[in-house]
Structures are given as structure tokens and as C-alpha cells.
Amino acid sequence: MMKTTVTPADIGKIVRDARKDAGLRQHELAGAAGVGLRFIVDLEAGKPTAQVGKVLQVLAALGCSVEIVPPPEADATAPAAVHDTGRRPR
């Protein structure tokens, strides 16, 4: 299995290419994804601080998929402490 590392610039190029292939203008993609035009401009430029939730919205609007593969040593029986529930200790 080949391991690939994706950079913000790579994501930006994928988004731009997929948008153009779909025949969409940036503002049309922004509307379809529920994000602002400035976000699309920044995302396509490879802005490294783009909000991951919005990036996922844009990718979904384009029909792109994302796969995250845990490292081989990750175990499905890992203690619950490594799974963030969003709750903070009191």
C-alpha cells in the first residue's frame, strides 16, 4: 500500500480541478457547499488554516471522498481514553 501525504496546496488543486471539471465558477461552488466565496478562493490557493469542516463540505459538494487510514499499529481495541467524546473532565 502506498502512503501519501496531502498538503493544503494539493487539496486546493484537487478542489480547483474538480470545480472546473464540473463547469462551476467559484461563487457557484461556494453556494452549493454553503461556504463563502472568500473561503473557496483561499482553499484553492492552498491556505493551510482552512477550517476542516468547511473543507469537507466543499469536497462533498464536488463529490470527492476522503479516506483516512490509521497507522498499522492502531488497534480497534484501544482504550476509550484515546477516543475524544468532546466532553472535558471536571
PDB file of N, CA and C in Angstrom:
ATOM      1  N   MET A   1       0.836  -1.172   0.000  1.00  0.00           N
ATOM      2  CA  MET A   1       0.000   0.000   0.000  1.00  0.00           C
ATOM      3  C   MET A   1       0.886   1.242   0.000  1.00  0.00           C
ATOM      4  N   MET A   2       0.582   2.164  -0.886  1.00  0.00           N
ATOM      5  CA  MET A   2       1.378   3.373  -0.990  1.00  0.00           C
ATOM      6  C   MET A   2       0.865   4.417   0.001  1.00  0.00           C
ATOM      7  N   LYS A   3       1.757   5.014   0.747  1.00  0.00           N
ATOM      8  CA  LYS A   3       1.400   6.059   1.705  1.00  0.00           C
ATOM      9  C   LYS A   3       1.567   7.408   1.026  1.00  0.00           C
ATOM     10  N   THR A   4       0.549   8.235   1.108  1.00  0.00           N
ATOM     11  CA  THR A   4       0.633   9.563   0.528  1.00  0.00           C
ATOM     12  C   THR A   4       0.336  10.604   1.597  1.00  0.00           C
ATOM     13  N   THR A   5       1.015  11.697   1.503  1.00  0.00           N
ATOM     14  CA  THR A   5       0.766  12.826   2.377  1.00  0.00           C
ATOM     15  C   THR A   5       0.200  13.935   1.515  1.00  0.00           C
ATOM     16  N   VAL A   6      -0.922  14.468   1.926  1.00  0.00           N
ATOM     17  CA  VAL A   6      -1.588  15.508   1.164  1.00  0.00           C
ATOM     18  C   VAL A   6      -1.348  16.847   1.852  1.00  0.00           C
ATOM     19  N   THR A   7      -0.973  17.835   1.080  1.00  0.00           N
ATOM     20  CA  THR A   7      -0.731  19.174   1.610  1.00  0.00           C
ATOM     21  C   THR A   7      -1.946  20.061   1.328  1.00  0.00           C
ATOM     22  N   PRO A   8      -2.043  21.201   2.006  1.00  0.00           N
ATOM     23  CA  PRO A   8      -3.122  22.143   1.686  1.00  0.00           C
ATOM     24  C   PRO A   8      -3.106  22.555   0.211  1.00  0.00           C
ATOM     25  N   ALA A   9      -1.920  22.700  -0.358  1.00  0.00           N
ATOM     26  CA  ALA A   9      -1.823  23.047  -1.780  1.00  0.00           C
ATOM     27  C   ALA A   9      -2.386  21.924  -2.659  1.00  0.00           C
ATOM     28  N   ASP A  10      -2.145  20.668  -2.270  1.00  0.00           N
ATOM     29  CA  ASP A  10      -2.697  19.529  -3.014  1.00  0.00           C
ATOM     30  C   ASP A  10      -4.225  19.556  -2.982  1.00  0.00           C
ATOM     31  N   ILE A  11      -4.776  19.816  -1.801  1.00  0.00           N
ATOM     32  CA  ILE A  11      -6.232  19.881  -1.668  1.00  0.00           C
ATOM     33  C   ILE A  11      -6.785  21.018  -2.523  1.00  0.00           C
ATOM     34  N   GLY A  12      -6.112  22.148  -2.483  1.00  0.00           N
ATOM     35  CA  GLY A  12      -6.542  23.289  -3.300  1.00  0.00           C
ATOM     36  C   GLY A  12      -6.575  22.958  -4.773  1.00  0.00           C
ATOM     37  N   LYS A  13      -5.574  22.260  -5.249  1.00  0.00           N
ATOM     38  CA  LYS A  13      -5.527  21.880  -6.670  1.00  0.00           C
ATOM     39  C   LYS A  13      -6.635  20.888  -6.999  1.00  0.00           C
ATOM     40  N   ILE A  14      -6.872  19.942  -6.109  1.00  0.00           N
ATOM     41  CA  ILE A  14      -7.945  18.971  -6.325  1.00  0.00           C
ATOM     42  C   ILE A  14      -9.290  19.690  -6.411  1.00  0.00           C
ATOM     43  N   VAL A  15      -9.527  20.615  -5.484  1.00  0.00           N
ATOM     44  CA  VAL A  15     -10.783  21.367  -5.477  1.00  0.00           C
ATOM     45  C   VAL A  15     -10.924  22.178  -6.758  1.00  0.00           C
ATOM     46  N   ARG A  16      -9.883  22.905  -7.131  1.00  0.00           N
ATOM     47  CA  ARG A  16      -9.932  23.736  -8.338  1.00  0.00           C
ATOM     48  C   ARG A  16     -10.193  22.889  -9.575  1.00  0.00           C
ATOM     49  N   ASP A  17      -9.457  21.779  -9.710  1.00  0.00           N
ATOM     50  CA  ASP A  17      -9.630  20.911 -10.879  1.00  0.00           C
ATOM     51  C   ASP A  17     -11.029  20.295 -10.924  1.00  0.00           C
ATOM     52  N   ALA A  18     -11.525  19.839  -9.769  1.00  0.00           N
ATOM     53  CA  ALA A  18     -12.859  19.227  -9.721  1.00  0.00           C
ATOM     54  C   ALA A  18     -13.935  20.272 -10.021  1.00  0.00           C
ATOM     55  N   ARG A  19     -13.751  21.478  -9.515  1.00  0.00           N
ATOM     56  CA  ARG A  19     -14.709  22.562  -9.777  1.00  0.00           C
ATOM     57  C   ARG A  19     -14.762  22.872 -11.261  1.00  0.00           C
ATOM     58  N   LYS A  20     -13.592  23.007 -11.876  1.00  0.00           N
ATOM     59  CA  LYS A  20     -13.546  23.308 -13.306  1.00  0.00           C
ATOM     60  C   LYS A  20     -14.116  22.170 -14.138  1.00  0.00           C
ATOM     61  N   ASP A  21     -13.802  20.933 -13.748  1.00  0.00           N
ATOM     62  CA  ASP A  21     -14.351  19.775 -14.456  1.00  0.00           C
ATOM     63  C   ASP A  21     -15.879  19.748 -14.376  1.00  0.00           C
ATOM     64  N   ALA A  22     -16.414  20.250 -13.262  1.00  0.00           N
ATOM     65  CA  ALA A  22     -17.870  20.295 -13.071  1.00  0.00           C
ATOM     66  C   ALA A  22     -18.498  21.503 -13.766  1.00  0.00           C
ATOM     67  N   GLY A  23     -17.656  22.366 -14.315  1.00  0.00           N
ATOM     68  CA  GLY A  23     -18.159  23.547 -15.005  1.00  0.00           C
ATOM     69  C   GLY A  23     -18.713  24.606 -14.073  1.00  0.00           C
ATOM     70  N   LEU A  24     -18.182  24.656 -12.858  1.00  0.00           N
ATOM     71  CA  LEU A  24     -18.655  25.617 -11.861  1.00  0.00           C
ATOM     72  C   LEU A  24     -17.694  26.787 -11.717  1.00  0.00           C
ATOM     73  N   ARG A  25     -18.260  27.945 -11.450  1.00  0.00           N
ATOM     74  CA  ARG A  25     -17.457  29.102 -11.066  1.00  0.00           C
ATOM     75  C   ARG A  25     -17.294  29.041  -9.549  1.00  0.00           C
ATOM     76  N   GLN A  26     -16.323  29.793  -9.050  1.00  0.00           N
ATOM     77  CA  GLN A  26     -16.055  29.742  -7.618  1.00  0.00           C
ATOM     78  C   GLN A  26     -17.277  30.113  -6.785  1.00  0.00           C
ATOM     79  N   HIS A  27     -18.002  31.132  -7.186  1.00  0.00           N
ATOM     80  CA  HIS A  27     -19.170  31.546  -6.398  1.00  0.00           C
ATOM     81  C   HIS A  27     -20.277  30.496  -6.455  1.00  0.00           C
ATOM     82  N   GLU A  28     -20.364  29.748  -7.543  1.00  0.00           N
ATOM     83  CA  GLU A  28     -21.362  28.683  -7.647  1.00  0.00           C
ATOM     84  C   GLU A  28     -21.022  27.529  -6.698  1.00  0.00           C
ATOM     85  N   LEU A  29     -19.744  27.177  -6.635  1.00  0.00           N
ATOM     86  CA  LEU A  29     -19.317  26.140  -5.701  1.00  0.00           C
ATOM     87  C   LEU A  29     -19.541  26.589  -4.268  1.00  0.00           C
ATOM     88  N   ALA A  30     -19.230  27.837  -3.983  1.00  0.00           N
ATOM     89  CA  ALA A  30     -19.440  28.368  -2.632  1.00  0.00           C
ATOM     90  C   ALA A  30     -20.907  28.222  -2.230  1.00  0.00           C
ATOM     91  N   GLY A  31     -21.822  28.578  -3.115  1.00  0.00           N
ATOM     92  CA  GLY A  31     -23.243  28.454  -2.829  1.00  0.00           C
ATOM     93  C   GLY A  31     -23.670  27.010  -2.641  1.00  0.00           C
ATOM     94  N   ALA A  32     -23.169  26.128  -3.495  1.00  0.00           N
ATOM     95  CA  ALA A  32     -23.529  24.708  -3.410  1.00  0.00           C
ATOM     96  C   ALA A  32     -23.009  24.069  -2.124  1.00  0.00           C
ATOM     97  N   ALA A  33     -21.849  24.536  -1.650  1.00  0.00           N
ATOM     98  CA  ALA A  33     -21.224  23.959  -0.456  1.00  0.00           C
ATOM     99  C   ALA A  33     -21.647  24.668   0.832  1.00  0.00           C
ATOM    100  N   GLY A  34     -22.312  25.798   0.712  1.00  0.00           N
ATOM    101  CA  GLY A  34     -22.723  26.536   1.903  1.00  0.00           C
ATOM    102  C   GLY A  34     -21.583  27.264   2.589  1.00  0.00           C
ATOM    103  N   VAL A  35     -20.617  27.709   1.790  1.00  0.00           N
ATOM    104  CA  VAL A  35     -19.486  28.474   2.329  1.00  0.00           C
ATOM    105  C   VAL A  35     -19.383  29.777   1.537  1.00  0.00           C
ATOM    106  N   GLY A  36     -18.531  30.669   2.002  1.00  0.00           N
ATOM    107  CA  GLY A  36     -18.355  31.939   1.313  1.00  0.00           C
ATOM    108  C   GLY A  36     -17.382  31.842   0.148  1.00  0.00           C
ATOM    109  N   LEU A  37     -17.511  32.785  -0.767  1.00  0.00           N
ATOM    110  CA  LEU A  37     -16.609  32.852  -1.921  1.00  0.00           C
ATOM    111  C   LEU A  37     -15.161  32.977  -1.468  1.00  0.00           C
ATOM    112  N   ARG A  38     -14.902  33.812  -0.472  1.00  0.00           N
ATOM    113  CA  ARG A  38     -13.523  34.005   0.022  1.00  0.00           C
ATOM    114  C   ARG A  38     -12.930  32.676   0.491  1.00  0.00           C
ATOM    115  N   PHE A  39     -13.760  31.823   1.100  1.00  0.00           N
ATOM    116  CA  PHE A  39     -13.278  30.529   1.560  1.00  0.00           C
ATOM    117  C   PHE A  39     -12.818  29.690   0.379  1.00  0.00           C
ATOM    118  N   ILE A  40     -13.581  29.677  -0.700  1.00  0.00           N
ATOM    119  CA  ILE A  40     -13.207  28.910  -1.901  1.00  0.00           C
ATOM    120  C   ILE A  40     -11.911  29.450  -2.486  1.00  0.00           C
ATOM    121  N   VAL A  41     -11.805  30.758  -2.574  1.00  0.00           N
ATOM    122  CA  VAL A  41     -10.588  31.383  -3.107  1.00  0.00           C
ATOM    123  C   VAL A  41      -9.374  30.961  -2.273  1.00  0.00           C
ATOM    124  N   ASP A  42      -9.504  31.059  -0.959  1.00  0.00           N
ATOM    125  CA  ASP A  42      -8.398  30.693  -0.070  1.00  0.00           C
ATOM    126  C   ASP A  42      -8.091  29.198  -0.138  1.00  0.00           C
ATOM    127  N   LEU A  43      -9.122  28.378  -0.172  1.00  0.00           N
ATOM    128  CA  LEU A  43      -8.929  26.923  -0.237  1.00  0.00           C
ATOM    129  C   LEU A  43      -8.184  26.537  -1.504  1.00  0.00           C
ATOM    130  N   GLU A  44      -8.598  27.075  -2.638  1.00  0.00           N
ATOM    131  CA  GLU A  44      -7.935  26.758  -3.899  1.00  0.00           C
ATOM    132  C   GLU A  44      -6.498  27.273  -3.937  1.00  0.00           C
ATOM    133  N   ALA A  45      -6.226  28.304  -3.144  1.00  0.00           N
ATOM    134  CA  ALA A  45      -4.859  28.849  -3.064  1.00  0.00           C
ATOM    135  C   ALA A  45      -3.991  28.045  -2.106  1.00  0.00           C
ATOM    136  N   GLY A  46      -4.582  27.058  -1.431  1.00  0.00           N
ATOM    137  CA  GLY A  46      -3.800  26.215  -0.529  1.00  0.00           C
ATOM    138  C   GLY A  46      -3.608  26.779   0.854  1.00  0.00           C
ATOM    139  N   LYS A  47      -4.530  27.614   1.302  1.00  0.00           N
ATOM    140  CA  LYS A  47      -4.416  28.205   2.640  1.00  0.00           C
ATOM    141  C   LYS A  47      -4.366  27.097   3.692  1.00  0.00           C
ATOM    142  N   PRO A  48      -3.305  27.050   4.487  1.00  0.00           N
ATOM    143  CA  PRO A  48      -3.127  25.942   5.438  1.00  0.00           C
ATOM    144  C   PRO A  48      -4.027  26.009   6.667  1.00  0.00           C
ATOM    145  N   THR A  49      -4.688  27.135   6.911  1.00  0.00           N
ATOM    146  CA  THR A  49      -5.514  27.250   8.109  1.00  0.00           C
ATOM    147  C   THR A  49      -7.011  27.133   7.821  1.00  0.00           C
ATOM    148  N   ALA A  50      -7.364  26.587   6.672  1.00  0.00           N
ATOM    149  CA  ALA A  50      -8.781  26.425   6.322  1.00  0.00           C
ATOM    150  C   ALA A  50      -9.466  25.501   7.328  1.00  0.00           C
ATOM    151  N   GLN A  51     -10.693  25.820   7.696  1.00  0.00           N
ATOM    152  CA  GLN A  51     -11.457  25.021   8.654  1.00  0.00           C
ATOM    153  C   GLN A  51     -11.801  23.667   8.046  1.00  0.00           C
ATOM    154  N   VAL A  52     -11.458  22.622   8.745  1.00  0.00           N
ATOM    155  CA  VAL A  52     -11.630  21.271   8.210  1.00  0.00           C
ATOM    156  C   VAL A  52     -13.093  20.958   7.913  1.00  0.00           C
ATOM    157  N   GLY A  53     -14.010  21.430   8.729  1.00  0.00           N
ATOM    158  CA  GLY A  53     -15.427  21.176   8.482  1.00  0.00           C
ATOM    159  C   GLY A  53     -15.891  21.770   7.167  1.00  0.00           C
ATOM    160  N   LYS A  54     -15.449  22.974   6.895  1.00  0.00           N
ATOM    161  CA  LYS A  54     -15.813  23.633   5.636  1.00  0.00           C
ATOM    162  C   LYS A  54     -15.128  22.961   4.449  1.00  0.00           C
ATOM    163  N   VAL A  55     -13.885  22.531   4.637  1.00  0.00           N
ATOM    164  CA  VAL A  55     -13.186  21.805   3.566  1.00  0.00           C
ATOM    165  C   VAL A  55     -13.979  20.557   3.208  1.00  0.00           C
ATOM    166  N   LEU A  56     -14.445  19.831   4.216  1.00  0.00           N
ATOM    167  CA  LEU A  56     -15.225  18.619   3.972  1.00  0.00           C
ATOM    168  C   LEU A  56     -16.540  18.938   3.262  1.00  0.00           C
ATOM    169  N   GLN A  57     -17.174  20.067   3.595  1.00  0.00           N
ATOM    170  CA  GLN A  57     -18.392  20.486   2.904  1.00  0.00           C
ATOM    171  C   GLN A  57     -18.129  20.706   1.421  1.00  0.00           C
ATOM    172  N   VAL A  58     -17.030  21.391   1.117  1.00  0.00           N
ATOM    173  CA  VAL A  58     -16.686  21.682  -0.276  1.00  0.00           C
ATOM    174  C   VAL A  58     -16.385  20.383  -1.029  1.00  0.00           C
ATOM    175  N   LEU A  59     -15.594  19.511  -0.411  1.00  0.00           N
ATOM    176  CA  LEU A  59     -15.267  18.240  -1.060  1.00  0.00           C
ATOM    177  C   LEU A  59     -16.528  17.418  -1.320  1.00  0.00           C
ATOM    178  N   ALA A  60     -17.449  17.407  -0.365  1.00  0.00           N
ATOM    179  CA  ALA A  60     -18.701  16.663  -0.539  1.00  0.00           C
ATOM    180  C   ALA A  60     -19.532  17.260  -1.668  1.00  0.00           C
ATOM    181  N   ALA A  61     -19.580  18.591  -1.745  1.00  0.00           N
ATOM    182  CA  ALA A  61     -20.350  19.256  -2.803  1.00  0.00           C
ATOM    183  C   ALA A  61     -19.803  18.911  -4.185  1.00  0.00           C
ATOM    184  N   LEU A  62     -18.508  18.641  -4.250  1.00  0.00           N
ATOM    185  CA  LEU A  62     -17.874  18.275  -5.518  1.00  0.00           C
ATOM    186  C   LEU A  62     -17.942  16.772  -5.794  1.00  0.00           C
ATOM    187  N   GLY A  63     -18.413  16.003  -4.819  1.00  0.00           N
ATOM    188  CA  GLY A  63     -18.473  14.551  -4.986  1.00  0.00           C
ATOM    189  C   GLY A  63     -17.150  13.865  -4.696  1.00  0.00           C
ATOM    190  N   CYS A  64     -16.245  14.578  -4.048  1.00  0.00           N
ATOM    191  CA  CYS A  64     -14.950  13.996  -3.677  1.00  0.00           C
ATOM    192  C   CYS A  64     -15.113  13.172  -2.405  1.00  0.00           C
ATOM    193  N   SER A  65     -14.221  12.234  -2.219  1.00  0.00           N
ATOM    194  CA  SER A  65     -14.233  11.455  -0.988  1.00  0.00           C
ATOM    195  C   SER A  65     -12.899  11.623  -0.280  1.00  0.00           C
ATOM    196  N   VAL A  66     -12.928  11.372   1.017  1.00  0.00           N
ATOM    197  CA  VAL A  66     -11.726  11.486   1.838  1.00  0.00           C
ATOM    198  C   VAL A  66     -11.542  10.169   2.566  1.00  0.00           C
ATOM    199  N   GLU A  67     -10.326   9.669   2.539  1.00  0.00           N
ATOM    200  CA  GLU A  67     -10.033   8.436   3.262  1.00  0.00           C
ATOM    201  C   GLU A  67      -8.891   8.705   4.226  1.00  0.00           C
ATOM    202  N   ILE A  68      -9.117   8.363   5.480  1.00  0.00           N
ATOM    203  CA  ILE A  68      -8.080   8.492   6.496  1.00  0.00           C
ATOM    204  C   ILE A  68      -7.821   7.093   7.019  1.00  0.00           C
ATOM    205  N   VAL A  69      -6.594   6.658   6.879  1.00  0.00           N
ATOM    206  CA  VAL A  69      -6.218   5.311   7.282  1.00  0.00           C
ATOM    207  C   VAL A  69      -5.340   5.406   8.521  1.00  0.00           C
ATOM    208  N   PRO A  70      -5.760   4.771   9.610  1.00  0.00           N
ATOM    209  CA  PRO A  70      -4.930   4.825  10.810  1.00  0.00           C
ATOM    210  C   PRO A  70      -3.621   4.077  10.588  1.00  0.00           C
ATOM    211  N   PRO A  71      -2.615   4.407  11.373  1.00  0.00           N
ATOM    212  CA  PRO A  71      -1.341   3.704  11.232  1.00  0.00           C
ATOM    213  C   PRO A  71      -1.522   2.217  11.544  1.00  0.00           C
ATOM    214  N   PRO A  72      -0.674   1.369  10.999  1.00  0.00           N
ATOM    215  CA  PRO A  72      -0.819  -0.077  11.178  1.00  0.00           C
ATOM    216  C   PRO A  72      -0.861  -0.512  12.640  1.00  0.00           C
ATOM    217  N   GLU A  73      -0.176   0.182  13.509  1.00  0.00           N
ATOM    218  CA  GLU A  73      -0.134  -0.228  14.905  1.00  0.00           C
ATOM    219  C   GLU A  73      -1.386   0.188  15.676  1.00  0.00           C
ATOM    220  N   ALA A  74      -2.283   0.985  15.046  1.00  0.00           N
ATOM    221  CA  ALA A  74      -3.523   1.367  15.719  1.00  0.00           C
ATOM    222  C   ALA A  74      -4.387   0.129  15.894  1.00  0.00           C
ATOM    223  N   ASP A  75      -4.979   0.021  17.062  1.00  0.00           N
ATOM    224  CA  ASP A  75      -5.747  -1.171  17.390  1.00  0.00           C
ATOM    225  C   ASP A  75      -7.194  -0.783  17.682  1.00  0.00           C
ATOM    226  N   ALA A  76      -8.125  -1.517  17.131  1.00  0.00           N
ATOM    227  CA  ALA A  76      -9.543  -1.236  17.346  1.00  0.00           C
ATOM    228  C   ALA A  76      -9.940  -1.404  18.807  1.00  0.00           C
ATOM    229  N   THR A  77      -9.141  -2.110  19.578  1.00  0.00           N
ATOM    230  CA  THR A  77      -9.459  -2.321  20.996  1.00  0.00           C
ATOM    231  C   THR A  77      -8.738  -1.328  21.893  1.00  0.00           C
ATOM    232  N   ALA A  78      -8.290  -0.201  21.328  1.00  0.00           N
ATOM    233  CA  ALA A  78      -7.585   0.810  22.116  1.00  0.00           C
ATOM    234  C   ALA A  78      -8.487   1.312  23.230  1.00  0.00           C
ATOM    235  N   PRO A  79      -7.905   1.722  24.329  1.00  0.00           N
ATOM    236  CA  PRO A  79      -8.698   2.219  25.455  1.00  0.00           C
ATOM    237  C   PRO A  79      -9.571   3.402  25.049  1.00  0.00           C
ATOM    238  N   ALA A  80     -10.703   3.533  25.689  1.00  0.00           N
ATOM    239  CA  ALA A  80     -11.653   4.598  25.369  1.00  0.00           C
ATOM    240  C   ALA A  80     -11.040   5.983  25.548  1.00  0.00           C
ATOM    241  N   ALA A  81     -10.003   6.105  26.354  1.00  0.00           N
ATOM    242  CA  ALA A  81      -9.389   7.406  26.618  1.00  0.00           C
ATOM    243  C   ALA A  81      -8.837   8.051  25.356  1.00  0.00           C
ATOM    244  N   VAL A  82      -8.504   7.285  24.348  1.00  0.00           N
ATOM    245  CA  VAL A  82      -7.949   7.878  23.136  1.00  0.00           C
ATOM    246  C   VAL A  82      -9.045   8.377  22.206  1.00  0.00           C
ATOM    247  N   HIS A  83     -10.278   8.042  22.487  1.00  0.00           N
ATOM    248  CA  HIS A  83     -11.394   8.471  21.652  1.00  0.00           C
ATOM    249  C   HIS A  83     -12.017   9.702  22.312  1.00  0.00           C
ATOM    250  N   ASP A  84     -11.869  10.864  21.697  1.00  0.00           N
ATOM    251  CA  ASP A  84     -12.377  12.112  22.259  1.00  0.00           C
ATOM    252  C   ASP A  84     -13.886  12.173  22.106  1.00  0.00           C
ATOM    253  N   THR A  85     -14.589  12.283  23.196  1.00  0.00           N
ATOM    254  CA  THR A  85     -16.044  12.364  23.179  1.00  0.00           C
ATOM    255  C   THR A  85     -16.529  13.799  23.137  1.00  0.00           C
ATOM    256  N   GLY A  86     -15.604  14.733  23.175  1.00  0.00           N
ATOM    257  CA  GLY A  86     -15.974  16.133  23.201  1.00  0.00           C
ATOM    258  C   GLY A  86     -16.251  16.636  24.608  1.00  0.00           C
ATOM    259  N   ARG A  87     -16.294  15.735  25.572  1.00  0.00           N
ATOM    260  CA  ARG A  87     -16.526  16.099  26.964  1.00  0.00           C
ATOM    261  C   ARG A  87     -15.196  16.374  27.648  1.00  0.00           C
ATOM    262  N   ARG A  88     -15.188  17.333  28.493  1.00  0.00           N
ATOM    263  CA  ARG A  88     -13.974  17.689  29.205  1.00  0.00           C
ATOM    264  C   ARG A  88     -14.086  17.277  30.664  1.00  0.00           C
ATOM    265  N   PRO A  89     -12.983  16.850  31.284  1.00  0.00           N
ATOM    266  CA  PRO A  89     -13.032  16.465  32.698  1.00  0.00           C
ATOM    267  C   PRO A  89     -13.401  17.653  33.571  1.00  0.00           C
ATOM    268  N   ARG A  90     -14.048  17.356  34.673  1.00  0.00           N
ATOM    269  CA  ARG A  90     -14.463  18.422  35.604  1.00  0.00           C
ATOM    270  C   ARG A  90     -13.418  18.680  36.628  1.00  0.00           C
TER     271      ARG A  90
END
